[in-house]
Protein backbone atom coordinates (compact mmCIF):
# COMPACT_ATOMS: atom_id res chain seq x y z
CA UNK A 1 0.00 0.00 0.00
CA UNK A 2 2.73 2.53 0.86
CA UNK A 3 4.28 2.27 -2.63
CA UNK A 4 0.90 2.97 -4.23
CA UNK A 5 0.37 5.97 -1.99
CA UNK A 6 3.84 7.29 -2.71
CA UNK A 7 3.26 7.01 -6.46
CA UNK A 8 -0.03 8.86 -6.13
CA UNK A 9 1.59 11.62 -4.10
CA UNK A 10 4.31 12.00 -6.74
CA UNK A 11 1.59 12.65 -9.33
CA UNK A 12 0.27 15.63 -7.37
CA UNK A 13 1.47 19.19 -7.98
CA UNK A 14 4.18 20.38 -5.54
CA UNK A 15 1.83 22.52 -3.47
CA UNK A 16 -0.50 19.54 -2.94
CA UNK A 17 2.46 17.32 -2.07
CA UNK A 18 3.35 19.81 0.66
CA UNK A 19 -0.26 19.67 1.89
CA UNK A 20 -0.08 15.87 2.11
CA UNK A 21 3.21 16.11 4.01
CA UNK A 22 1.71 18.62 6.44
CA UNK A 23 -1.27 16.34 7.04
CA UNK A 24 1.01 13.35 7.69
CA UNK A 25 3.00 15.42 10.19
CA UNK A 26 -0.25 16.48 11.87
CA UNK A 27 -1.34 12.85 12.24
CA UNK A 28 2.05 11.83 13.61
CA UNK A 29 1.95 14.65 16.17
CA UNK A 30 -1.60 13.80 17.13
CA UNK A 31 -0.86 10.15 17.86
CA UNK A 32 2.57 10.54 19.41
CA UNK A 33 2.70 10.94 23.16
CA UNK A 34 5.15 13.00 25.18
CA UNK A 35 7.40 9.96 25.54
CA UNK A 36 7.75 9.74 21.78
CA UNK A 37 5.94 6.46 21.35
CA UNK A 38 2.98 6.30 19.04
CA UNK A 39 -0.34 5.65 20.74
CA UNK A 40 -3.23 3.90 19.12
CA UNK A 41 -6.77 5.16 19.53
CA UNK A 42 -7.43 2.26 21.90
CA UNK A 43 -4.51 3.40 24.08
CA UNK A 44 -5.93 6.91 24.25
CA UNK A 45 -9.39 5.60 25.18
CA UNK A 46 -7.92 3.31 27.84
CA UNK A 47 -5.97 6.23 29.28
CA UNK A 48 -9.17 8.30 29.66
CA UNK A 49 -11.26 5.60 31.30
CA UNK A 50 -12.24 6.42 34.85
CA UNK A 51 -11.62 10.16 34.58
CA UNK A 52 -14.89 10.94 36.40
CA UNK A 53 -14.49 8.39 39.18
CA UNK A 54 -15.68 9.91 42.45
CA UNK A 55 -17.20 12.95 40.73
CA UNK A 56 -20.58 11.41 39.91
CA UNK A 57 -23.05 10.03 42.42
CA UNK A 58 -26.52 8.54 42.33
CA UNK A 59 -29.01 9.14 45.12
CA UNK A 60 -29.78 6.15 47.35
CA UNK A 61 -33.48 6.42 46.50
CA UNK A 62 -32.90 6.62 42.73
CA UNK A 63 -35.05 3.56 41.94
CA UNK A 64 -37.84 4.45 44.37
CA UNK A 65 -41.13 5.59 42.87
CA UNK A 66 -41.74 9.32 43.44
CA UNK A 67 -44.70 10.13 45.71
CA UNK A 68 -46.54 11.88 42.85
CA UNK A 69 -46.65 8.67 40.77
CA UNK A 70 -47.77 6.22 43.47
CA UNK A 71 -51.45 6.88 42.57
CA UNK A 72 -50.83 5.53 39.07
CA UNK A 73 -49.34 2.20 40.13
PDB file of N, CA and C in Angstrom:
ATOM      1  N   UNK A   1       0.811  -1.189   0.000  1.00  0.00           N
ATOM      2  CA  UNK A   1       0.000   0.000   0.000  1.00  0.00           C
ATOM      3  C   UNK A   1       0.856   1.255   0.000  1.00  0.00           C
ATOM      4  N   UNK A   2       1.940   1.305   0.744  1.00  0.00           N
ATOM      5  CA  UNK A   2       2.733   2.525   0.858  1.00  0.00           C
ATOM      6  C   UNK A   2       3.361   2.919  -0.476  1.00  0.00           C
ATOM      7  N   UNK A   3       3.703   1.948  -1.312  1.00  0.00           N
ATOM      8  CA  UNK A   3       4.279   2.267  -2.625  1.00  0.00           C
ATOM      9  C   UNK A   3       3.218   2.914  -3.506  1.00  0.00           C
ATOM     10  N   UNK A   4       1.991   2.384  -3.466  1.00  0.00           N
ATOM     11  CA  UNK A   4       0.895   2.973  -4.231  1.00  0.00           C
ATOM     12  C   UNK A   4       0.623   4.404  -3.797  1.00  0.00           C
ATOM     13  N   UNK A   5       0.623   4.632  -2.507  1.00  0.00           N
ATOM     14  CA  UNK A   5       0.367   5.974  -1.985  1.00  0.00           C
ATOM     15  C   UNK A   5       1.483   6.917  -2.400  1.00  0.00           C
ATOM     16  N   UNK A   6       2.696   6.468  -2.325  1.00  0.00           N
ATOM     17  CA  UNK A   6       3.838   7.295  -2.708  1.00  0.00           C
ATOM     18  C   UNK A   6       3.772   7.667  -4.190  1.00  0.00           C
ATOM     19  N   UNK A   7       3.396   6.729  -5.022  1.00  0.00           N
ATOM     20  CA  UNK A   7       3.262   7.007  -6.455  1.00  0.00           C
ATOM     21  C   UNK A   7       2.153   8.029  -6.707  1.00  0.00           C
ATOM     22  N   UNK A   8       1.070   7.905  -5.976  1.00  0.00           N
ATOM     23  CA  UNK A   8      -0.032   8.856  -6.127  1.00  0.00           C
ATOM     24  C   UNK A   8       0.395  10.255  -5.684  1.00  0.00           C
ATOM     25  N   UNK A   9       1.124  10.325  -4.591  1.00  0.00           N
ATOM     26  CA  UNK A   9       1.589  11.625  -4.098  1.00  0.00           C
ATOM     27  C   UNK A   9       2.534  12.266  -5.110  1.00  0.00           C
ATOM     28  N   UNK A  10       3.375  11.469  -5.738  1.00  0.00           N
ATOM     29  CA  UNK A  10       4.308  12.002  -6.743  1.00  0.00           C
ATOM     30  C   UNK A  10       3.573  12.596  -7.946  1.00  0.00           C
ATOM     31  N   UNK A  11       2.366  12.144  -8.214  1.00  0.00           N
ATOM     32  CA  UNK A  11       1.592  12.654  -9.335  1.00  0.00           C
ATOM     33  C   UNK A  11       0.934  14.005  -9.027  1.00  0.00           C
ATOM     34  N   UNK A  12       0.885  14.371  -7.765  1.00  0.00           N
ATOM     35  CA  UNK A  12       0.265  15.631  -7.370  1.00  0.00           C
ATOM     36  C   UNK A  12       1.195  16.814  -7.659  1.00  0.00           C
ATOM     37  N   UNK A  13       0.625  17.999  -7.833  1.00  0.00           N
ATOM     38  CA  UNK A  13       1.467  19.190  -7.979  1.00  0.00           C
ATOM     39  C   UNK A  13       2.231  19.454  -6.673  1.00  0.00           C
ATOM     40  N   UNK A  14       3.346  20.169  -6.739  1.00  0.00           N
ATOM     41  CA  UNK A  14       4.184  20.381  -5.541  1.00  0.00           C
ATOM     42  C   UNK A  14       3.441  20.989  -4.354  1.00  0.00           C
ATOM     43  N   UNK A  15       2.541  21.916  -4.599  1.00  0.00           N
ATOM     44  CA  UNK A  15       1.825  22.516  -3.468  1.00  0.00           C
ATOM     45  C   UNK A  15       0.912  21.504  -2.773  1.00  0.00           C
ATOM     46  N   UNK A  16       0.344  20.589  -3.532  1.00  0.00           N
ATOM     47  CA  UNK A  16      -0.501  19.541  -2.943  1.00  0.00           C
ATOM     48  C   UNK A  16       0.352  18.492  -2.237  1.00  0.00           C
ATOM     49  N   UNK A  17       1.551  18.237  -2.743  1.00  0.00           N
ATOM     50  CA  UNK A  17       2.463  17.320  -2.066  1.00  0.00           C
ATOM     51  C   UNK A  17       2.818  17.865  -0.678  1.00  0.00           C
ATOM     52  N   UNK A  18       3.028  19.170  -0.613  1.00  0.00           N
ATOM     53  CA  UNK A  18       3.348  19.811   0.664  1.00  0.00           C
ATOM     54  C   UNK A  18       2.157  19.688   1.622  1.00  0.00           C
ATOM     55  N   UNK A  19       0.949  19.807   1.082  1.00  0.00           N
ATOM     56  CA  UNK A  19      -0.260  19.674   1.890  1.00  0.00           C
ATOM     57  C   UNK A  19      -0.368  18.256   2.464  1.00  0.00           C
ATOM     58  N   UNK A  20      -0.064  17.258   1.643  1.00  0.00           N
ATOM     59  CA  UNK A  20      -0.077  15.866   2.110  1.00  0.00           C
ATOM     60  C   UNK A  20       0.967  15.677   3.204  1.00  0.00           C
ATOM     61  N   UNK A  21       2.146  16.220   3.005  1.00  0.00           N
ATOM     62  CA  UNK A  21       3.214  16.109   4.009  1.00  0.00           C
ATOM     63  C   UNK A  21       2.795  16.770   5.320  1.00  0.00           C
ATOM     64  N   UNK A  22       2.177  17.927   5.240  1.00  0.00           N
ATOM     65  CA  UNK A  22       1.713  18.619   6.444  1.00  0.00           C
ATOM     66  C   UNK A  22       0.664  17.795   7.179  1.00  0.00           C
ATOM     67  N   UNK A  23      -0.232  17.161   6.422  1.00  0.00           N
ATOM     68  CA  UNK A  23      -1.268  16.339   7.042  1.00  0.00           C
ATOM     69  C   UNK A  23      -0.655  15.119   7.726  1.00  0.00           C
ATOM     70  N   UNK A  24       0.323  14.506   7.091  1.00  0.00           N
ATOM     71  CA  UNK A  24       1.006  13.355   7.690  1.00  0.00           C
ATOM     72  C   UNK A  24       1.690  13.773   8.992  1.00  0.00           C
ATOM     73  N   UNK A  25       2.349  14.924   8.974  1.00  0.00           N
ATOM     74  CA  UNK A  25       2.997  15.420  10.190  1.00  0.00           C
ATOM     75  C   UNK A  25       1.978  15.703  11.290  1.00  0.00           C
ATOM     76  N   UNK A  26       0.822  16.240  10.905  1.00  0.00           N
ATOM     77  CA  UNK A  26      -0.249  16.484  11.872  1.00  0.00           C
ATOM     78  C   UNK A  26      -0.691  15.175  12.519  1.00  0.00           C
ATOM     79  N   UNK A  27      -0.912  14.141  11.696  1.00  0.00           N
ATOM     80  CA  UNK A  27      -1.337  12.849  12.235  1.00  0.00           C
ATOM     81  C   UNK A  27      -0.281  12.243  13.153  1.00  0.00           C
ATOM     82  N   UNK A  28       0.977  12.357  12.766  1.00  0.00           N
ATOM     83  CA  UNK A  28       2.053  11.833  13.610  1.00  0.00           C
ATOM     84  C   UNK A  28       2.106  12.565  14.946  1.00  0.00           C
ATOM     85  N   UNK A  29       1.950  13.877  14.925  1.00  0.00           N
ATOM     86  CA  UNK A  29       1.955  14.648  16.169  1.00  0.00           C
ATOM     87  C   UNK A  29       0.755  14.301  17.034  1.00  0.00           C
ATOM     88  N   UNK A  30      -0.374  14.093  16.401  1.00  0.00           N
ATOM     89  CA  UNK A  30      -1.605  13.801  17.130  1.00  0.00           C
ATOM     90  C   UNK A  30      -1.518  12.469  17.870  1.00  0.00           C
ATOM     91  N   UNK A  31      -0.894  11.481  17.267  1.00  0.00           N
ATOM     92  CA  UNK A  31      -0.860  10.148  17.856  1.00  0.00           C
ATOM     93  C   UNK A  31       0.487   9.796  18.475  1.00  0.00           C
ATOM     94  N   UNK A  32       1.299  10.785  18.741  1.00  0.00           N
ATOM     95  CA  UNK A  32       2.566  10.540  19.408  1.00  0.00           C
ATOM     96  C   UNK A  32       2.501  11.179  20.784  1.00  0.00           C
ATOM     97  N   UNK A  33       2.783  10.422  21.799  1.00  0.00           N
ATOM     98  CA  UNK A  33       2.696  10.943  23.163  1.00  0.00           C
ATOM     99  C   UNK A  33       3.963  11.714  23.510  1.00  0.00           C
ATOM    100  N   UNK A  34       4.002  12.227  24.704  1.00  0.00           N
ATOM    101  CA  UNK A  34       5.147  13.000  25.185  1.00  0.00           C
ATOM    102  C   UNK A  34       6.405  12.133  25.216  1.00  0.00           C
ATOM    103  N   UNK A  35       6.244  10.850  25.461  1.00  0.00           N
ATOM    104  CA  UNK A  35       7.399   9.956  25.536  1.00  0.00           C
ATOM    105  C   UNK A  35       7.978   9.629  24.164  1.00  0.00           C
ATOM    106  N   UNK A  36       7.251   9.999  23.123  1.00  0.00           N
ATOM    107  CA  UNK A  36       7.746   9.740  21.783  1.00  0.00           C
ATOM    108  C   UNK A  36       7.226   8.457  21.174  1.00  0.00           C
ATOM    109  N   UNK A  37       6.477   7.690  21.929  1.00  0.00           N
ATOM    110  CA  UNK A  37       5.943   6.455  21.354  1.00  0.00           C
ATOM    111  C   UNK A  37       4.567   6.741  20.782  1.00  0.00           C
ATOM    112  N   UNK A  38       4.265   6.081  19.684  1.00  0.00           N
ATOM    113  CA  UNK A  38       2.976   6.298  19.043  1.00  0.00           C
ATOM    114  C   UNK A  38       1.890   5.548  19.804  1.00  0.00           C
ATOM    115  N   UNK A  39       0.781   6.248  20.036  1.00  0.00           N
ATOM    116  CA  UNK A  39      -0.341   5.655  20.736  1.00  0.00           C
ATOM    117  C   UNK A  39      -1.459   5.346  19.754  1.00  0.00           C
ATOM    118  N   UNK A  40      -2.064   4.213  19.940  1.00  0.00           N
ATOM    119  CA  UNK A  40      -3.226   3.897  19.122  1.00  0.00           C
ATOM    120  C   UNK A  40      -4.449   4.576  19.732  1.00  0.00           C
ATOM    121  N   UNK A  41      -5.538   4.585  19.011  1.00  0.00           N
ATOM    122  CA  UNK A  41      -6.770   5.165  19.525  1.00  0.00           C
ATOM    123  C   UNK A  41      -7.229   4.389  20.759  1.00  0.00           C
ATOM    124  N   UNK A  42      -7.046   3.078  20.745  1.00  0.00           N
ATOM    125  CA  UNK A  42      -7.432   2.261  21.898  1.00  0.00           C
ATOM    126  C   UNK A  42      -6.623   2.655  23.133  1.00  0.00           C
ATOM    127  N   UNK A  43      -5.329   2.949  22.953  1.00  0.00           N
ATOM    128  CA  UNK A  43      -4.505   3.397  24.080  1.00  0.00           C
ATOM    129  C   UNK A  43      -5.033   4.704  24.652  1.00  0.00           C
ATOM    130  N   UNK A  44      -5.413   5.631  23.784  1.00  0.00           N
ATOM    131  CA  UNK A  44      -5.933   6.911  24.249  1.00  0.00           C
ATOM    132  C   UNK A  44      -7.253   6.722  24.994  1.00  0.00           C
ATOM    133  N   UNK A  45      -8.121   5.852  24.501  1.00  0.00           N
ATOM    134  CA  UNK A  45      -9.386   5.598  25.184  1.00  0.00           C
ATOM    135  C   UNK A  45      -9.136   4.963  26.546  1.00  0.00           C
ATOM    136  N   UNK A  46      -8.220   3.993  26.596  1.00  0.00           N
ATOM    137  CA  UNK A  46      -7.917   3.313  27.838  1.00  0.00           C
ATOM    138  C   UNK A  46      -7.369   4.305  28.858  1.00  0.00           C
ATOM    139  N   UNK A  47      -6.571   5.248  28.400  1.00  0.00           N
ATOM    140  CA  UNK A  47      -5.974   6.234  29.284  1.00  0.00           C
ATOM    141  C   UNK A  47      -7.046   7.131  29.903  1.00  0.00           C
ATOM    142  N   UNK A  48      -8.137   7.395  29.178  1.00  0.00           N
ATOM    143  CA  UNK A  48      -9.168   8.296  29.661  1.00  0.00           C
ATOM    144  C   UNK A  48     -10.235   7.610  30.494  1.00  0.00           C
ATOM    145  N   UNK A  49     -10.235   6.293  30.538  1.00  0.00           N
ATOM    146  CA  UNK A  49     -11.263   5.596  31.302  1.00  0.00           C
ATOM    147  C   UNK A  49     -11.122   5.919  32.789  1.00  0.00           C
ATOM    148  N   UNK A  50     -12.243   6.166  33.423  1.00  0.00           N
ATOM    149  CA  UNK A  50     -12.243   6.417  34.854  1.00  0.00           C
ATOM    150  C   UNK A  50     -11.968   7.858  35.229  1.00  0.00           C
ATOM    151  N   UNK A  51     -11.964   8.767  34.275  1.00  0.00           N
ATOM    152  CA  UNK A  51     -11.617  10.155  34.584  1.00  0.00           C
ATOM    153  C   UNK A  51     -12.627  10.823  35.498  1.00  0.00           C
ATOM    154  N   UNK A  52     -13.862  10.320  35.560  1.00  0.00           N
ATOM    155  CA  UNK A  52     -14.888  10.945  36.403  1.00  0.00           C
ATOM    156  C   UNK A  52     -15.136  10.168  37.692  1.00  0.00           C
ATOM    157  N   UNK A  53     -14.297   9.204  37.989  1.00  0.00           N
ATOM    158  CA  UNK A  53     -14.492   8.388  39.177  1.00  0.00           C
ATOM    159  C   UNK A  53     -14.502   9.281  40.421  1.00  0.00           C
ATOM    160  N   UNK A  54     -15.543   9.121  41.224  1.00  0.00           N
ATOM    161  CA  UNK A  54     -15.676   9.907  42.445  1.00  0.00           C
ATOM    162  C   UNK A  54     -16.328  11.263  42.233  1.00  0.00           C
ATOM    163  N   UNK A  55     -16.586  11.651  40.999  1.00  0.00           N
ATOM    164  CA  UNK A  55     -17.196  12.954  40.725  1.00  0.00           C
ATOM    165  C   UNK A  55     -18.696  12.839  40.477  1.00  0.00           C
ATOM    166  N   UNK A  56     -19.181  11.636  40.223  1.00  0.00           N
ATOM    167  CA  UNK A  56     -20.580  11.415  39.912  1.00  0.00           C
ATOM    168  C   UNK A  56     -21.178  10.518  40.981  1.00  0.00           C
ATOM    169  N   UNK A  57     -22.379  10.855  41.422  1.00  0.00           N
ATOM    170  CA  UNK A  57     -23.046  10.027  42.422  1.00  0.00           C
ATOM    171  C   UNK A  57     -24.504   9.867  42.034  1.00  0.00           C
ATOM    172  N   UNK A  58     -25.097   8.815  42.545  1.00  0.00           N
ATOM    173  CA  UNK A  58     -26.521   8.542  42.332  1.00  0.00           C
ATOM    174  C   UNK A  58     -27.173   8.460  43.703  1.00  0.00           C
ATOM    175  N   UNK A  59     -28.300   9.123  43.845  1.00  0.00           N
ATOM    176  CA  UNK A  59     -29.010   9.140  45.121  1.00  0.00           C
ATOM    177  C   UNK A  59     -29.398   7.719  45.533  1.00  0.00           C
ATOM    178  N   UNK A  60     -29.430   7.476  46.841  1.00  0.00           N
ATOM    179  CA  UNK A  60     -29.780   6.152  47.355  1.00  0.00           C
ATOM    180  C   UNK A  60     -31.199   5.749  46.970  1.00  0.00           C
ATOM    181  N   UNK A  61     -32.087   6.721  46.835  1.00  0.00           N
ATOM    182  CA  UNK A  61     -33.480   6.420  46.497  1.00  0.00           C
ATOM    183  C   UNK A  61     -33.760   6.575  45.000  1.00  0.00           C
ATOM    184  N   UNK A  62     -32.769   6.420  44.168  1.00  0.00           N
ATOM    185  CA  UNK A  62     -32.896   6.623  42.726  1.00  0.00           C
ATOM    186  C   UNK A  62     -33.987   5.750  42.112  1.00  0.00           C
ATOM    187  N   UNK A  63     -34.083   4.486  42.525  1.00  0.00           N
ATOM    188  CA  UNK A  63     -35.053   3.560  41.943  1.00  0.00           C
ATOM    189  C   UNK A  63     -36.412   3.595  42.617  1.00  0.00           C
ATOM    190  N   UNK A  64     -36.548   4.357  43.678  1.00  0.00           N
ATOM    191  CA  UNK A  64     -37.841   4.448  44.365  1.00  0.00           C
ATOM    192  C   UNK A  64     -38.816   5.260  43.525  1.00  0.00           C
ATOM    193  N   UNK A  65     -40.086   4.874  43.605  1.00  0.00           N
ATOM    194  CA  UNK A  65     -41.131   5.593  42.871  1.00  0.00           C
ATOM    195  C   UNK A  65     -41.412   6.924  43.568  1.00  0.00           C
ATOM    196  N   UNK A  66     -41.414   8.030  42.827  1.00  0.00           N
ATOM    197  CA  UNK A  66     -41.742   9.321  43.439  1.00  0.00           C
ATOM    198  C   UNK A  66     -43.163   9.316  43.997  1.00  0.00           C
ATOM    199  N   UNK A  67     -43.374  10.059  45.050  1.00  0.00           N
ATOM    200  CA  UNK A  67     -44.696  10.127  45.706  1.00  0.00           C
ATOM    201  C   UNK A  67     -45.799  10.513  44.710  1.00  0.00           C
ATOM    202  N   UNK A  68     -45.529  11.409  43.798  1.00  0.00           N
ATOM    203  CA  UNK A  68     -46.541  11.879  42.850  1.00  0.00           C
ATOM    204  C   UNK A  68     -47.040  10.776  41.921  1.00  0.00           C
ATOM    205  N   UNK A  69     -46.273   9.738  41.710  1.00  0.00           N
ATOM    206  CA  UNK A  69     -46.650   8.674  40.768  1.00  0.00           C
ATOM    207  C   UNK A  69     -47.258   7.453  41.445  1.00  0.00           C
ATOM    208  N   UNK A  70     -47.269   7.409  42.768  1.00  0.00           N
ATOM    209  CA  UNK A  70     -47.768   6.221  43.473  1.00  0.00           C
ATOM    210  C   UNK A  70     -49.245   5.981  43.190  1.00  0.00           C
ATOM    211  N   UNK A  71     -50.024   7.039  42.885  1.00  0.00           N
ATOM    212  CA  UNK A  71     -51.446   6.876  42.569  1.00  0.00           C
ATOM    213  C   UNK A  71     -51.659   6.112  41.266  1.00  0.00           C
ATOM    214  N   UNK A  72     -50.699   6.164  40.382  1.00  0.00           N
ATOM    215  CA  UNK A  72     -50.833   5.531  39.067  1.00  0.00           C
ATOM    216  C   UNK A  72     -50.408   4.064  39.059  1.00  0.00           C
ATOM    217  N   UNK A  73     -49.815   3.590  40.114  1.00  0.00           N
ATOM    218  CA  UNK A  73     -49.339   2.200  40.134  1.00  0.00           C
ATOM    219  C   UNK A  73     -50.330   1.249  40.706  1.00  0.00           C
TER     220      UNK A  73
END
